[in-house]
Amino acid sequence: MTALLKKRNTDWKQMVKYGENFFVSLGFDPLPQTFWERSLFLKPKDREVVSMPRVDIDLMSDVRLKMCIQITARTS
């Protein structure tokens, strides 16, 4: 799977969209615009961050992801 993702030049946004599309297909709403604005998808070049995936959810107003996405089929 990793080779296929790289062959297709899949980027971080497409990886997130794959996940979003899966949940939308189950009947969930698409991710809000604030998700795309407030989340951390790539490791910043100017500082160190913990790259362990984390999701913060406040069902009333906020959903965000903190993860240094790598193009791989590996899940952890």
Protein backbone atom coordinates (compact mmCIF):
# COMPACT_ATOMS: atom_id res chain seq x y z
CA MET A 1 0.00 0.00 0.00
CA THR A 2 2.83 2.41 0.82
CA ALA A 3 4.33 1.94 -2.64
CA LEU A 4 0.95 2.65 -4.26
CA LEU A 5 0.48 5.83 -2.21
CA LYS A 6 3.93 7.06 -3.21
CA LYS A 7 3.41 6.09 -6.86
CA ARG A 8 0.24 8.20 -6.89
CA ASN A 9 2.15 11.11 -5.28
CA THR A 10 -0.31 11.12 -2.38
CA ASP A 11 0.21 14.09 -0.07
CA TRP A 12 -0.80 14.71 3.54
CA LYS A 13 -4.08 16.36 2.58
CA GLN A 14 -5.13 13.40 0.44
CA MET A 15 -4.32 11.04 3.32
CA VAL A 16 -6.63 13.02 5.63
CA LYS A 17 -9.30 13.18 2.91
CA TYR A 18 -9.19 9.36 2.58
CA GLY A 19 -10.07 9.11 6.28
CA GLU A 20 -12.71 11.81 6.07
CA ASN A 21 -14.35 10.16 3.04
CA PHE A 22 -14.54 6.85 4.91
CA PHE A 23 -16.42 8.39 7.83
CA VAL A 24 -18.67 10.44 5.54
CA SER A 25 -19.58 7.17 3.77
CA LEU A 26 -20.77 5.89 7.17
CA GLY A 27 -23.08 8.88 7.60
CA PHE A 28 -20.88 11.30 9.56
CA ASP A 29 -20.67 14.97 8.59
CA PRO A 30 -17.61 16.20 6.68
CA LEU A 31 -14.91 17.83 8.77
CA PRO A 32 -15.52 21.53 9.48
CA GLN A 33 -13.32 24.24 7.98
CA THR A 34 -11.87 24.91 11.44
CA PHE A 35 -10.44 21.36 11.43
CA TRP A 36 -8.29 22.28 8.42
CA GLU A 37 -7.29 25.61 9.96
CA ARG A 38 -6.45 24.43 13.51
CA SER A 39 -4.89 21.00 12.96
CA LEU A 40 -1.20 20.16 12.75
CA PHE A 41 -0.56 17.76 9.87
CA LEU A 42 3.18 18.07 9.24
CA LYS A 43 6.15 18.38 11.55
CA PRO A 44 7.10 22.07 11.78
CA LYS A 45 10.61 22.92 10.61
CA ASP A 46 11.04 25.68 13.20
CA ARG A 47 10.36 23.72 16.40
CA GLU A 48 10.15 20.30 17.96
CA VAL A 49 6.73 18.73 18.52
CA VAL A 50 5.53 15.37 19.78
CA SER A 51 4.58 13.47 16.64
CA MET A 52 2.33 10.96 18.37
CA PRO A 53 -1.12 11.17 16.74
CA ARG A 54 -3.74 12.91 18.85
CA VAL A 55 -7.29 14.06 18.21
CA ASP A 56 -8.91 16.82 20.25
CA ILE A 57 -12.71 16.92 20.13
CA ASP A 58 -15.13 19.40 21.62
CA LEU A 59 -18.37 18.27 19.99
CA MET A 60 -19.88 21.74 20.34
CA SER A 61 -17.20 23.76 18.57
CA ASP A 62 -13.88 22.11 17.77
CA VAL A 63 -12.31 19.06 16.16
CA ARG A 64 -8.61 18.99 15.40
CA LEU A 65 -5.79 16.56 14.66
CA LYS A 66 -2.18 16.76 15.77
CA MET A 67 -0.07 14.34 13.77
CA CYS A 68 3.11 14.42 11.72
CA ILE A 69 1.73 12.63 8.67
CA GLN A 70 4.03 10.39 6.69
CA ILE A 71 2.96 8.83 3.40
CA THR A 72 2.80 5.22 4.47
CA ALA A 73 0.21 2.51 5.06
CA ARG A 74 1.69 1.97 8.52
CA THR A 75 -0.77 2.91 11.28
CA SER A 76 1.58 3.69 14.15
